[in-house]
PDB file of N, CA and C in Angstrom:
ATOM      1  N   MET A   1      28.506  19.011  15.896  1.00  0.00           N
ATOM      2  CA  MET A   1      27.212  19.182  15.279  1.00  0.00           C
ATOM      3  C   MET A   1      26.250  19.716  16.345  1.00  0.00           C
ATOM      4  N   ASN A   2      25.466  20.703  15.978  1.00  0.00           N
ATOM      5  CA  ASN A   2      24.540  21.304  16.937  1.00  0.00           C
ATOM      6  C   ASN A   2      23.224  20.518  16.969  1.00  0.00           C
ATOM      7  N   ARG A   3      22.290  20.982  17.783  1.00  0.00           N
ATOM      8  CA  ARG A   3      21.038  20.229  17.953  1.00  0.00           C
ATOM      9  C   ARG A   3      20.199  20.186  16.690  1.00  0.00           C
ATOM     10  N   TYR A   4      20.280  21.195  15.838  1.00  0.00           N
ATOM     11  CA  TYR A   4      19.515  21.175  14.597  1.00  0.00           C
ATOM     12  C   TYR A   4      20.096  20.161  13.604  1.00  0.00           C
ATOM     13  N   GLY A   5      21.405  20.016  13.615  1.00  0.00           N
ATOM     14  CA  GLY A   5      22.029  18.994  12.772  1.00  0.00           C
ATOM     15  C   GLY A   5      21.616  17.595  13.187  1.00  0.00           C
ATOM     16  N   TRP A   6      21.615  17.345  14.503  1.00  0.00           N
ATOM     17  CA  TRP A   6      21.180  16.036  14.992  1.00  0.00           C
ATOM     18  C   TRP A   6      19.697  15.814  14.713  1.00  0.00           C
ATOM     19  N   MET A   7      18.908  16.875  14.759  1.00  0.00           N
ATOM     20  CA  MET A   7      17.485  16.750  14.462  1.00  0.00           C
ATOM     21  C   MET A   7      17.301  16.303  13.009  1.00  0.00           C
ATOM     22  N   VAL A   8      18.037  16.873  12.088  1.00  0.00           N
ATOM     23  CA  VAL A   8      17.935  16.490  10.684  1.00  0.00           C
ATOM     24  C   VAL A   8      18.378  15.041  10.489  1.00  0.00           C
ATOM     25  N   VAL A   9      19.421  14.635  11.198  1.00  0.00           N
ATOM     26  CA  VAL A   9      19.870  13.243  11.114  1.00  0.00           C
ATOM     27  C   VAL A   9      18.763  12.305  11.595  1.00  0.00           C
ATOM     28  N   ARG A  10      18.121  12.629  12.723  1.00  0.00           N
ATOM     29  CA  ARG A  10      17.051  11.778  13.246  1.00  0.00           C
ATOM     30  C   ARG A  10      15.842  11.743  12.316  1.00  0.00           C
ATOM     31  N   VAL A  11      15.535  12.866  11.681  1.00  0.00           N
ATOM     32  CA  VAL A  11      14.357  12.925  10.819  1.00  0.00           C
ATOM     33  C   VAL A  11      14.566  12.104   9.546  1.00  0.00           C
ATOM     34  N   TYR A  12      15.768  12.138   8.984  1.00  0.00           N
ATOM     35  CA  TYR A  12      16.026  11.437   7.724  1.00  0.00           C
ATOM     36  C   TYR A  12      16.548  10.014   7.900  1.00  0.00           C
ATOM     37  N   THR A  13      16.746   9.534   9.118  1.00  0.00           N
ATOM     38  CA  THR A  13      17.249   8.186   9.351  1.00  0.00           C
ATOM     39  C   THR A  13      16.359   7.093   8.755  1.00  0.00           C
ATOM     40  N   PRO A  14      15.023   7.141   8.883  1.00  0.00           N
ATOM     41  CA  PRO A  14      14.214   6.074   8.262  1.00  0.00           C
ATOM     42  C   PRO A  14      14.394   5.984   6.747  1.00  0.00           C
ATOM     43  N   ALA A  15      14.532   7.108   6.072  1.00  0.00           N
ATOM     44  CA  ALA A  15      14.728   7.089   4.622  1.00  0.00           C
ATOM     45  C   ALA A  15      16.076   6.469   4.267  1.00  0.00           C
ATOM     46  N   VAL A  16      17.095   6.789   5.024  1.00  0.00           N
ATOM     47  CA  VAL A  16      18.424   6.236   4.754  1.00  0.00           C
ATOM     48  C   VAL A  16      18.441   4.736   5.032  1.00  0.00           C
ATOM     49  N   LEU A  17      17.761   4.290   6.085  1.00  0.00           N
ATOM     50  CA  LEU A  17      17.695   2.861   6.382  1.00  0.00           C
ATOM     51  C   LEU A  17      16.949   2.107   5.283  1.00  0.00           C
ATOM     52  N   ALA A  18      15.878   2.680   4.765  1.00  0.00           N
ATOM     53  CA  ALA A  18      15.144   2.039   3.669  1.00  0.00           C
ATOM     54  C   ALA A  18      16.018   1.955   2.414  1.00  0.00           C
ATOM     55  N   LEU A  19      16.818   2.979   2.159  1.00  0.00           N
ATOM     56  CA  LEU A  19      17.749   2.916   1.025  1.00  0.00           C
ATOM     57  C   LEU A  19      18.796   1.824   1.231  1.00  0.00           C
ATOM     58  N   GLY A  20      19.232   1.638   2.470  1.00  0.00           N
ATOM     59  CA  GLY A  20      20.176   0.563   2.777  1.00  0.00           C
ATOM     60  C   GLY A  20      19.572  -0.812   2.537  1.00  0.00           C
ATOM     61  N   VAL A  21      18.307  -0.986   2.901  1.00  0.00           N
ATOM     62  CA  VAL A  21      17.621  -2.255   2.641  1.00  0.00           C
ATOM     63  C   VAL A  21      17.503  -2.488   1.139  1.00  0.00           C
ATOM     64  N   ALA A  22      17.172  -1.451   0.382  1.00  0.00           N
ATOM     65  CA  ALA A  22      17.073  -1.586  -1.067  1.00  0.00           C
ATOM     66  C   ALA A  22      18.424  -1.955  -1.674  1.00  0.00           C
ATOM     67  N   LEU A  23      19.489  -1.332  -1.212  1.00  0.00           N
ATOM     68  CA  LEU A  23      20.820  -1.635  -1.719  1.00  0.00           C
ATOM     69  C   LEU A  23      21.218  -3.070  -1.387  1.00  0.00           C
ATOM     70  N   ALA A  24      20.943  -3.500  -0.164  1.00  0.00           N
ATOM     71  CA  ALA A  24      21.262  -4.875   0.222  1.00  0.00           C
ATOM     72  C   ALA A  24      20.466  -5.874  -0.611  1.00  0.00           C
ATOM     73  N   ALA A  25      19.202  -5.582  -0.862  1.00  0.00           N
ATOM     74  CA  ALA A  25      18.383  -6.487  -1.684  1.00  0.00           C
ATOM     75  C   ALA A  25      18.902  -6.543  -3.114  1.00  0.00           C
ATOM     76  N   MET A  26      19.342  -5.404  -3.646  1.00  0.00           N
ATOM     77  CA  MET A  26      19.900  -5.403  -5.001  1.00  0.00           C
ATOM     78  C   MET A  26      21.178  -6.234  -5.072  1.00  0.00           C
ATOM     79  N   ILE A  27      22.023  -6.100  -4.076  1.00  0.00           N
ATOM     80  CA  ILE A  27      23.289  -6.848  -4.069  1.00  0.00           C
ATOM     81  C   ILE A  27      23.018  -8.337  -3.954  1.00  0.00           C
ATOM     82  N   VAL A  28      22.136  -8.728  -3.049  1.00  0.00           N
ATOM     83  CA  VAL A  28      21.822 -10.146  -2.877  1.00  0.00           C
ATOM     84  C   VAL A  28      21.190 -10.705  -4.146  1.00  0.00           C
ATOM     85  N   THR A  29      20.274  -9.969  -4.743  1.00  0.00           N
ATOM     86  CA  THR A  29      19.626 -10.437  -5.966  1.00  0.00           C
ATOM     87  C   THR A  29      20.623 -10.555  -7.115  1.00  0.00           C
ATOM     88  N   PHE A  30      21.518  -9.609  -7.227  1.00  0.00           N
ATOM     89  CA  PHE A  30      22.472  -9.624  -8.338  1.00  0.00           C
ATOM     90  C   PHE A  30      23.492 -10.747  -8.207  1.00  0.00           C
ATOM     91  N   PHE A  31      24.074 -10.908  -7.016  1.00  0.00           N
ATOM     92  CA  PHE A  31      25.157 -11.867  -6.854  1.00  0.00           C
ATOM     93  C   PHE A  31      24.688 -13.285  -6.554  1.00  0.00           C
ATOM     94  N   PHE A  32      23.569 -13.438  -5.859  1.00  0.00           N
ATOM     95  CA  PHE A  32      23.192 -14.768  -5.386  1.00  0.00           C
ATOM     96  C   PHE A  32      21.907 -15.314  -5.992  1.00  0.00           C
ATOM     97  N   SER A  33      21.354 -14.683  -7.014  1.00  0.00           N
ATOM     98  CA  SER A  33      20.095 -15.167  -7.583  1.00  0.00           C
ATOM     99  C   SER A  33      20.271 -16.455  -8.371  1.00  0.00           C
ATOM    100  N   SER A  34      21.466 -16.744  -8.845  1.00  0.00           N
ATOM    101  CA  SER A  34      21.680 -17.954  -9.633  1.00  0.00           C
ATOM    102  C   SER A  34      22.015 -19.170  -8.778  1.00  0.00           C
ATOM    103  N   THR A  35      22.172 -19.001  -7.479  1.00  0.00           N
ATOM    104  CA  THR A  35      22.481 -20.143  -6.627  1.00  0.00           C
ATOM    105  C   THR A  35      21.220 -20.959  -6.373  1.00  0.00           C
ATOM    106  N   ALA A  36      21.406 -22.228  -6.158  1.00  0.00           N
ATOM    107  CA  ALA A  36      20.273 -23.133  -5.970  1.00  0.00           C
ATOM    108  C   ALA A  36      19.552 -22.866  -4.652  1.00  0.00           C
ATOM    109  N   ALA A  37      20.278 -22.403  -3.648  1.00  0.00           N
ATOM    110  CA  ALA A  37      19.660 -22.175  -2.339  1.00  0.00           C
ATOM    111  C   ALA A  37      18.673 -21.020  -2.360  1.00  0.00           C
ATOM    112  N   LEU A  38      18.899 -20.030  -3.224  1.00  0.00           N
ATOM    113  CA  LEU A  38      18.031 -18.856  -3.263  1.00  0.00           C
ATOM    114  C   LEU A  38      17.061 -18.838  -4.446  1.00  0.00           C
ATOM    115  N   ASN A  39      16.976 -19.925  -5.196  1.00  0.00           N
ATOM    116  CA  ASN A  39      16.059 -19.940  -6.334  1.00  0.00           C
ATOM    117  C   ASN A  39      14.617 -19.731  -5.916  1.00  0.00           C
ATOM    118  N   GLY A  40      14.222 -20.245  -4.782  1.00  0.00           N
ATOM    119  CA  GLY A  40      12.852 -20.064  -4.315  1.00  0.00           C
ATOM    120  C   GLY A  40      12.584 -18.662  -3.799  1.00  0.00           C
ATOM    121  N   LEU A  41      13.618 -17.975  -3.327  1.00  0.00           N
ATOM    122  CA  LEU A  41      13.451 -16.631  -2.768  1.00  0.00           C
ATOM    123  C   LEU A  41      13.623 -15.515  -3.801  1.00  0.00           C
ATOM    124  N   THR A  42      14.175 -15.831  -4.955  1.00  0.00           N
ATOM    125  CA  THR A  42      14.469 -14.797  -5.950  1.00  0.00           C
ATOM    126  C   THR A  42      13.239 -13.999  -6.381  1.00  0.00           C
ATOM    127  N   PRO A  43      12.079 -14.619  -6.624  1.00  0.00           N
ATOM    128  CA  PRO A  43      10.917 -13.793  -7.002  1.00  0.00           C
ATOM    129  C   PRO A  43      10.508 -12.804  -5.915  1.00  0.00           C
ATOM    130  N   TYR A  44      10.689 -13.176  -4.666  1.00  0.00           N
ATOM    131  CA  TYR A  44      10.339 -12.272  -3.562  1.00  0.00           C
ATOM    132  C   TYR A  44      11.390 -11.183  -3.387  1.00  0.00           C
ATOM    133  N   LEU A  45      12.650 -11.554  -3.547  1.00  0.00           N
ATOM    134  CA  LEU A  45      13.728 -10.570  -3.383  1.00  0.00           C
ATOM    135  C   LEU A  45      13.696  -9.501  -4.464  1.00  0.00           C
ATOM    136  N   THR A  46      13.184  -9.839  -5.647  1.00  0.00           N
ATOM    137  CA  THR A  46      13.123  -8.826  -6.693  1.00  0.00           C
ATOM    138  C   THR A  46      12.093  -7.747  -6.366  1.00  0.00           C
ATOM    139  N   TRP A  47      11.123  -8.056  -5.522  1.00  0.00           N
ATOM    140  CA  TRP A  47      10.121  -7.058  -5.130  1.00  0.00           C
ATOM    141  C   TRP A  47      10.545  -6.233  -3.920  1.00  0.00           C
ATOM    142  N   VAL A  48      11.540  -6.706  -3.178  1.00  0.00           N
ATOM    143  CA  VAL A  48      11.989  -5.961  -1.995  1.00  0.00           C
ATOM    144  C   VAL A  48      12.616  -4.626  -2.402  1.00  0.00           C
ATOM    145  N   THR A  49      13.381  -4.640  -3.483  1.00  0.00           N
ATOM    146  CA  THR A  49      14.070  -3.417  -3.909  1.00  0.00           C
ATOM    147  C   THR A  49      13.107  -2.281  -4.259  1.00  0.00           C
ATOM    148  N   PRO A  50      12.116  -2.481  -5.134  1.00  0.00           N
ATOM    149  CA  PRO A  50      11.232  -1.340  -5.433  1.00  0.00           C
ATOM    150  C   PRO A  50      10.370  -0.924  -4.251  1.00  0.00           C
ATOM    151  N   ILE A  51       9.984  -1.885  -3.414  1.00  0.00           N
ATOM    152  CA  ILE A  51       9.183  -1.526  -2.237  1.00  0.00           C
ATOM    153  C   ILE A  51      10.018  -0.690  -1.266  1.00  0.00           C
ATOM    154  N   ALA A  52      11.279  -1.099  -1.042  1.00  0.00           N
ATOM    155  CA  ALA A  52      12.150  -0.332  -0.143  1.00  0.00           C
ATOM    156  C   ALA A  52      12.457   1.049  -0.724  1.00  0.00           C
ATOM    157  N   LEU A  53      12.617   1.145  -2.026  1.00  0.00           N
ATOM    158  CA  LEU A  53      12.843   2.454  -2.637  1.00  0.00           C
ATOM    159  C   LEU A  53      11.618   3.349  -2.498  1.00  0.00           C
ATOM    160  N   LEU A  54      10.428   2.769  -2.628  1.00  0.00           N
ATOM    161  CA  LEU A  54       9.200   3.542  -2.439  1.00  0.00           C
ATOM    162  C   LEU A  54       9.071   4.011  -0.990  1.00  0.00           C
ATOM    163  N   VAL A  55       9.398   3.142  -0.048  1.00  0.00           N
ATOM    164  CA  VAL A  55       9.358   3.524   1.365  1.00  0.00           C
ATOM    165  C   VAL A  55      10.357   4.647   1.636  1.00  0.00           C
ATOM    166  N   ALA A  56      11.551   4.557   1.057  1.00  0.00           N
ATOM    167  CA  ALA A  56      12.555   5.606   1.237  1.00  0.00           C
ATOM    168  C   ALA A  56      12.079   6.927   0.645  1.00  0.00           C
ATOM    169  N   LEU A  57      11.448   6.873  -0.513  1.00  0.00           N
ATOM    170  CA  LEU A  57      10.934   8.085  -1.136  1.00  0.00           C
ATOM    171  C   LEU A  57       9.843   8.730  -0.292  1.00  0.00           C
ATOM    172  N   VAL A  58       8.931   7.926   0.226  1.00  0.00           N
ATOM    173  CA  VAL A  58       7.843   8.462   1.049  1.00  0.00           C
ATOM    174  C   VAL A  58       8.390   9.011   2.365  1.00  0.00           C
ATOM    175  N   ALA A  59       9.290   8.262   3.016  1.00  0.00           N
ATOM    176  CA  ALA A  59       9.851   8.726   4.286  1.00  0.00           C
ATOM    177  C   ALA A  59      10.663  10.011   4.098  1.00  0.00           C
ATOM    178  N   GLY A  60      11.446  10.085   3.032  1.00  0.00           N
ATOM    179  CA  GLY A  60      12.203  11.305   2.750  1.00  0.00           C
ATOM    180  C   GLY A  60      11.300  12.479   2.412  1.00  0.00           C
ATOM    181  N   GLY A  61      10.220  12.202   1.678  1.00  0.00           N
ATOM    182  CA  GLY A  61       9.265  13.268   1.350  1.00  0.00           C
ATOM    183  C   GLY A  61       8.553  13.803   2.576  1.00  0.00           C
ATOM    184  N   ILE A  62       8.152  12.903   3.468  1.00  0.00           N
ATOM    185  CA  ILE A  62       7.487  13.339   4.702  1.00  0.00           C
ATOM    186  C   ILE A  62       8.444  14.161   5.551  1.00  0.00           C
ATOM    187  N   ALA A  63       9.687  13.706   5.677  1.00  0.00           N
ATOM    188  CA  ALA A  63      10.672  14.455   6.460  1.00  0.00           C
ATOM    189  C   ALA A  63      10.932  15.826   5.854  1.00  0.00           C
ATOM    190  N   THR A  64      11.020  15.883   4.531  1.00  0.00           N
ATOM    191  CA  THR A  64      11.251  17.158   3.869  1.00  0.00           C
ATOM    192  C   THR A  64      10.076  18.105   4.073  1.00  0.00           C
ATOM    193  N   MET A  65       8.856  17.582   3.961  1.00  0.00           N
ATOM    194  CA  MET A  65       7.676  18.421   4.173  1.00  0.00           C
ATOM    195  C   MET A  65       7.611  18.933   5.619  1.00  0.00           C
ATOM    196  N   ARG A  66       7.974  18.091   6.582  1.00  0.00           N
ATOM    197  CA  ARG A  66       7.974  18.539   7.979  1.00  0.00           C
ATOM    198  C   ARG A  66       8.976  19.666   8.199  1.00  0.00           C
ATOM    199  N   MET A  67      10.169  19.514   7.630  1.00  0.00           N
ATOM    200  CA  MET A  67      11.184  20.556   7.796  1.00  0.00           C
ATOM    201  C   MET A  67      10.779  21.831   7.056  1.00  0.00           C
ATOM    202  N   TRP A  68      10.168  21.688   5.895  1.00  0.00           N
ATOM    203  CA  TRP A  68       9.732  22.855   5.123  1.00  0.00           C
ATOM    204  C   TRP A  68       8.618  23.595   5.850  1.00  0.00           C
ATOM    205  N   HIS A  69       7.660  22.867   6.412  1.00  0.00           N
ATOM    206  CA  HIS A  69       6.584  23.520   7.169  1.00  0.00           C
ATOM    207  C   HIS A  69       7.138  24.212   8.410  1.00  0.00           C
ATOM    208  N   TRP A  70       8.143  23.623   9.044  1.00  0.00           N
ATOM    209  CA  TRP A  70       8.748  24.258  10.213  1.00  0.00           C
ATOM    210  C   TRP A  70       9.471  25.544   9.803  1.00  0.00           C
ATOM    211  N   GLN A  71      10.224  25.502   8.708  1.00  0.00           N
ATOM    212  CA  GLN A  71      10.955  26.681   8.259  1.00  0.00           C
ATOM    213  C   GLN A  71      10.014  27.809   7.857  1.00  0.00           C
ATOM    214  N   SER A  72       8.855  27.479   7.298  1.00  0.00           N
ATOM    215  CA  SER A  72       7.921  28.518   6.863  1.00  0.00           C
ATOM    216  C   SER A  72       6.969  28.954   7.974  1.00  0.00           C
ATOM    217  N   GLY A  73       7.052  28.344   9.153  1.00  0.00           N
ATOM    218  CA  GLY A  73       6.245  28.761  10.287  1.00  0.00           C
ATOM    219  C   GLY A  73       4.828  28.217  10.296  1.00  0.00           C
ATOM    220  N   LYS A  74       4.574  27.143   9.587  1.00  0.00           N
ATOM    221  CA  LYS A  74       3.229  26.580   9.514  1.00  0.00           C
ATOM    222  C   LYS A  74       2.916  25.605  10.644  1.00  0.00           C
ATOM    223  N   VAL A  75       3.915  25.195  11.397  1.00  0.00           N
ATOM    224  CA  VAL A  75       3.707  24.278  12.522  1.00  0.00           C
ATOM    225  C   VAL A  75       4.141  24.974  13.807  1.00  0.00           C
ATOM    226  N   PRO A  76       3.613  24.550  14.946  1.00  0.00           N
ATOM    227  CA  PRO A  76       4.026  25.174  16.201  1.00  0.00           C
ATOM    228  C   PRO A  76       5.510  24.944  16.483  1.00  0.00           C
ATOM    229  N   ALA A  77       6.129  25.921  17.114  1.00  0.00           N
ATOM    230  CA  ALA A  77       7.554  25.851  17.441  1.00  0.00           C
ATOM    231  C   ALA A  77       7.739  25.805  18.956  1.00  0.00           C
ATOM    232  N   CYS A  78       8.868  25.264  19.359  1.00  0.00           N
ATOM    233  CA  CYS A  78       9.229  25.182  20.769  1.00  0.00           C
ATOM    234  C   CYS A  78       9.426  26.598  21.320  1.00  0.00           C
ATOM    235  N   ARG A  79       8.975  26.809  22.534  1.00  0.00           N
ATOM    236  CA  ARG A  79       9.137  28.134  23.151  1.00  0.00           C
ATOM    237  C   ARG A  79      10.581  28.405  23.536  1.00  0.00           C
ATOM    238  N   GLY A  80      11.346  27.345  23.810  1.00  0.00           N
ATOM    239  CA  GLY A  80      12.725  27.523  24.252  1.00  0.00           C
ATOM    240  C   GLY A  80      13.720  27.667  23.122  1.00  0.00           C
ATOM    241  N   CYS A  81      13.729  26.704  22.197  1.00  0.00           N
ATOM    242  CA  CYS A  81      14.762  26.695  21.154  1.00  0.00           C
ATOM    243  C   CYS A  81      14.217  27.011  19.769  1.00  0.00           C
ATOM    244  N   LYS A  82      12.933  27.194  19.634  1.00  0.00           N
ATOM    245  CA  LYS A  82      12.267  27.493  18.357  1.00  0.00           C
ATOM    246  C   LYS A  82      12.337  26.333  17.365  1.00  0.00           C
ATOM    247  N   GLY A  83      12.571  25.109  17.864  1.00  0.00           N
ATOM    248  CA  GLY A  83      12.587  23.929  17.010  1.00  0.00           C
ATOM    249  C   GLY A  83      11.169  23.444  16.732  1.00  0.00           C
ATOM    250  N   PRO A  84      11.007  22.528  15.775  1.00  0.00           N
ATOM    251  CA  PRO A  84       9.664  22.030  15.449  1.00  0.00           C
ATOM    252  C   PRO A  84       9.158  21.082  16.528  1.00  0.00           C
ATOM    253  N   LEU A  85       7.852  21.095  16.729  1.00  0.00           N
ATOM    254  CA  LEU A  85       7.235  20.197  17.697  1.00  0.00           C
ATOM    255  C   LEU A  85       6.693  18.975  16.978  1.00  0.00           C
ATOM    256  N   GLY A  86       6.747  17.842  17.659  1.00  0.00           N
ATOM    257  CA  GLY A  86       6.264  16.583  17.104  1.00  0.00           C
ATOM    258  C   GLY A  86       4.757  16.461  17.216  1.00  0.00           C
ATOM    259  N   ARG A  87       4.278  15.237  17.064  1.00  0.00           N
ATOM    260  CA  ARG A  87       2.838  14.982  17.084  1.00  0.00           C
ATOM    261  C   ARG A  87       2.277  15.146  18.488  1.00  0.00           C
ATOM    262  N   LEU A  88       0.973  15.286  18.562  1.00  0.00           N
ATOM    263  CA  LEU A  88       0.272  15.442  19.826  1.00  0.00           C
ATOM    264  C   LEU A  88       0.300  14.122  20.583  1.00  0.00           C
ATOM    265  N   GLN A  89       0.707  14.168  21.844  1.00  0.00           N
ATOM    266  CA  GLN A  89       0.764  12.973  22.684  1.00  0.00           C
ATOM    267  C   GLN A  89      -0.093  13.199  23.914  1.00  0.00           C
ATOM    268  N   HIS A  90      -0.658  12.114  24.423  1.00  0.00           N
ATOM    269  CA  HIS A  90      -1.505  12.185  25.608  1.00  0.00           C
ATOM    270  C   HIS A  90      -0.729  11.618  26.783  1.00  0.00           C
ATOM    271  N   GLY A  91      -0.555  12.433  27.838  1.00  0.00           N
ATOM    272  CA  GLY A  91       0.181  12.004  29.017  1.00  0.00           C
ATOM    273  C   GLY A  91      -0.674  12.075  30.265  1.00  0.00           C
ATOM    274  N   GLU A  92      -0.052  11.739  31.376  1.00  0.00           N
ATOM    275  CA  GLU A  92      -0.753  11.758  32.663  1.00  0.00           C
ATOM    276  C   GLU A  92      -1.232  13.151  33.048  1.00  0.00           C
ATOM    277  N   HIS A  93      -0.447  14.155  32.713  1.00  0.00           N
ATOM    278  CA  HIS A  93      -0.743  15.530  33.118  1.00  0.00           C
ATOM    279  C   HIS A  93      -1.368  16.351  31.994  1.00  0.00           C
ATOM    280  N   GLY A  94      -1.856  15.705  30.963  1.00  0.00           N
ATOM    281  CA  GLY A  94      -2.502  16.421  29.861  1.00  0.00           C
ATOM    282  C   GLY A  94      -1.777  16.209  28.538  1.00  0.00           C
ATOM    283  N   ASP A  95      -2.294  16.842  27.523  1.00  0.00           N
ATOM    284  CA  ASP A  95      -1.726  16.719  26.186  1.00  0.00           C
ATOM    285  C   ASP A  95      -0.460  17.568  26.056  1.00  0.00           C
ATOM    286  N   TYR A  96       0.492  17.057  25.290  1.00  0.00           N
ATOM    287  CA  TYR A  96       1.743  17.784  25.077  1.00  0.00           C
ATOM    288  C   TYR A  96       2.337  17.395  23.732  1.00  0.00           C
ATOM    289  N   ARG A  97       3.298  18.198  23.292  1.00  0.00           N
ATOM    290  CA  ARG A  97       4.088  17.916  22.098  1.00  0.00           C
ATOM    291  C   ARG A  97       5.555  17.943  22.491  1.00  0.00           C
ATOM    292  N   LYS A  98       6.354  17.065  21.919  1.00  0.00           N
ATOM    293  CA  LYS A  98       7.768  16.992  22.215  1.00  0.00           C
ATOM    294  C   LYS A  98       8.555  17.707  21.122  1.00  0.00           C
ATOM    295  N   CYS A  99       9.510  18.533  21.539  1.00  0.00           N
ATOM    296  CA  CYS A  99      10.345  19.265  20.598  1.00  0.00           C
ATOM    297  C   CYS A  99      11.317  18.288  19.916  1.00  0.00           C
ATOM    298  N   LEU A 100      11.422  18.383  18.599  1.00  0.00           N
ATOM    299  CA  LEU A 100      12.306  17.508  17.854  1.00  0.00           C
ATOM    300  C   LEU A 100      13.764  17.940  17.941  1.00  0.00           C
ATOM    301  N   ALA A 101      14.018  19.173  18.355  1.00  0.00           N
ATOM    302  CA  ALA A 101      15.393  19.665  18.426  1.00  0.00           C
ATOM    303  C   ALA A 101      15.990  19.479  19.829  1.00  0.00           C
ATOM    304  N   CYS A 102      15.308  19.984  20.866  1.00  0.00           N
ATOM    305  CA  CYS A 102      15.881  19.925  22.207  1.00  0.00           C
ATOM    306  C   CYS A 102      15.316  18.794  23.060  1.00  0.00           C
ATOM    307  N   GLY A 103      14.186  18.223  22.662  1.00  0.00           N
ATOM    308  CA  GLY A 103      13.593  17.115  23.403  1.00  0.00           C
ATOM    309  C   GLY A 103      12.690  17.538  24.541  1.00  0.00           C
ATOM    310  N   GLY A 104      12.474  18.830  24.711  1.00  0.00           N
ATOM    311  CA  GLY A 104      11.604  19.315  25.782  1.00  0.00           C
ATOM    312  C   GLY A 104      10.129  19.108  25.451  1.00  0.00           C
ATOM    313  N   ASN A 105       9.300  19.036  26.492  1.00  0.00           N
ATOM    314  CA  ASN A 105       7.870  18.883  26.305  1.00  0.00           C
ATOM    315  C   ASN A 105       7.171  20.243  26.382  1.00  0.00           C
ATOM    316  N   GLN A 106       6.216  20.459  25.501  1.00  0.00           N
ATOM    317  CA  GLN A 106       5.438  21.687  25.469  1.00  0.00           C
ATOM    318  C   GLN A 106       3.973  21.337  25.710  1.00  0.00           C
ATOM    319  N   ALA A 107       3.385  21.895  26.757  1.00  0.00           N
ATOM    320  CA  ALA A 107       1.978  21.658  27.033  1.00  0.00           C
ATOM    321  C   ALA A 107       1.108  22.305  25.964  1.00  0.00           C
ATOM    322  N   VAL A 108       0.013  21.642  25.651  1.00  0.00           N
ATOM    323  CA  VAL A 108      -0.898  22.169  24.634  1.00  0.00           C
ATOM    324  C   VAL A 108      -2.023  22.900  25.302  1.00  0.00           C
TER     325      VAL A 108
END
């Protein structure tokens, strides 16, 4: 896998993790909601699934919008690999942006 493939994996990881939390909450609620030990937690566990699905939807949407803006040239690109640059960061030597593909720093 090349650096752009790994970049896509890193960008979509929060959405996939939120989907995993939603799946785990659904499984726990379905199989263990009738047990006496989890009767007090069942009302809370039923809300974890839709909240985690909403978080996954928002995280996936943000990642998709970032990749779409990069592909259409609306965000600054790395001078070396032409990958998308991350958010503005403040460092000791001035402001910079970190490339999401190669990891290099670009001075602003």
